[in-house]
């Protein structure tokens, strides 16, 4: 007997009962991004391996251990994208979008990293990325934070996440601090674990981000980068925090929040949570002006963030939220008899023409009335549209409510169209009202 083929470890299916949550979150994300004037860009899943080696760095864990890399038939080394920033910037450089222009862009889709799967960390994961180009001032840094703040509010999870901020200064200030930090850790080598000793020569700032509790004191006593920033960098950071203060957005300054890649500068931020165990970072971003030159472009400005959808969705309490009880099917058509089967298919298409918002499922495998009625009930539909040969002869339709104790009604096809149209409109108004009340509740929670 053949063994069933299963999904690759760390690459999971999203089943029909789970997709309403994904669709809901995706709709809210699109609405928020659109309200800030951001445009979608769609990028290839596969890129040249060199792109990630030049952007992420050959001595990083991602490039050394986690990328899915292969040679194609032409002998070119290709990689399934492990992140989206490099591909987005490559596209902008390739198509000349950065020459004396500003852009606010976003992308969405699967990323791939070969790492140990655990809750909140997968080998294929869905990521939202937002990138902005051509703007040097602190306003755009603040805008990205405010955009996320608004998204959390609309999704009802603002109270579950905290904003952490830091500044890395200019690239020159960062490199100078790096030398000071290396000198400090060289004096405390005995307190470093194996991973940190390796990073000491390649990525010393990432040592500050270590989760090893045995290194807590060594890290706590390390020099803080903020003390080595110049006037301009401090002013840039102060402008961001002032904006957040004025708009009532709470934040924490975390001097240990760093990015381990040399092209990052000035603002870095993370939205973190205590509800997902060790995978507590929901969204991370920062300014990366240096990457554009690193990939062959002229000096320019860039700031953005990335967010893992699986972690985001894990924060939404959707099992108890009636917002997700919206039906996959509004009505299910039962057809019994040869004439009814033919006429029913015709009437179903008429309903779809007249009521575009109607979600209608039609019985497609025959069977007696009792069996079809069971399937209608199982579909979750609000109404069963019943059509037998007798109804065809009388040019009538029977409609039975499957969720309320209401007598079955018999009516003409024209009356049935009006009835179903009114029902769909009423349900939409009810859902719109619920959505507005949810947003108002979240807004009140935030203000309080």
Foldseek 3Di string as FASTA:
>chain_A
DDDDDDDDFQDDDQDPLRVLLVVVLVVLLVVLCVVVPAEEDEFDQKDQLVLCCLQVHCPDCQNPPWWDWDADPVRTIMTGAQDCPSRVLVVCVVVVVQDPHKHKYKYKDWHATPDDDDFPGGRIFIKIKIKIWFDDALPVVLVQVVSVCVSCLLLVQNVFKAKEKEFCADLVLNVVVLVQQLVLCVVVVVQDDPVCVSCSVPFNLCSLVDPPPSCVVSSVPGDFSVVSHDPVLVVRVVVSVVVCVVVVNDHHYDSSDDDRDSQFGRMKMFIFGPPRPPNTTFKIWGKRQRSSVSVPHDRITMIMMMGTPSVVSVSRPPVPDCLSVDALAAEEEDEAEDVSVVVVVVLVVVLCVLAVVHHYHYDDPYDDPVVSVVVRLVRVHQKYWYTYPVCVVVQKIWIDGNPDPDDIDIGHSVVVSVVVNVVVVVVVVVSVVSSVVSSVVSVVVSVD
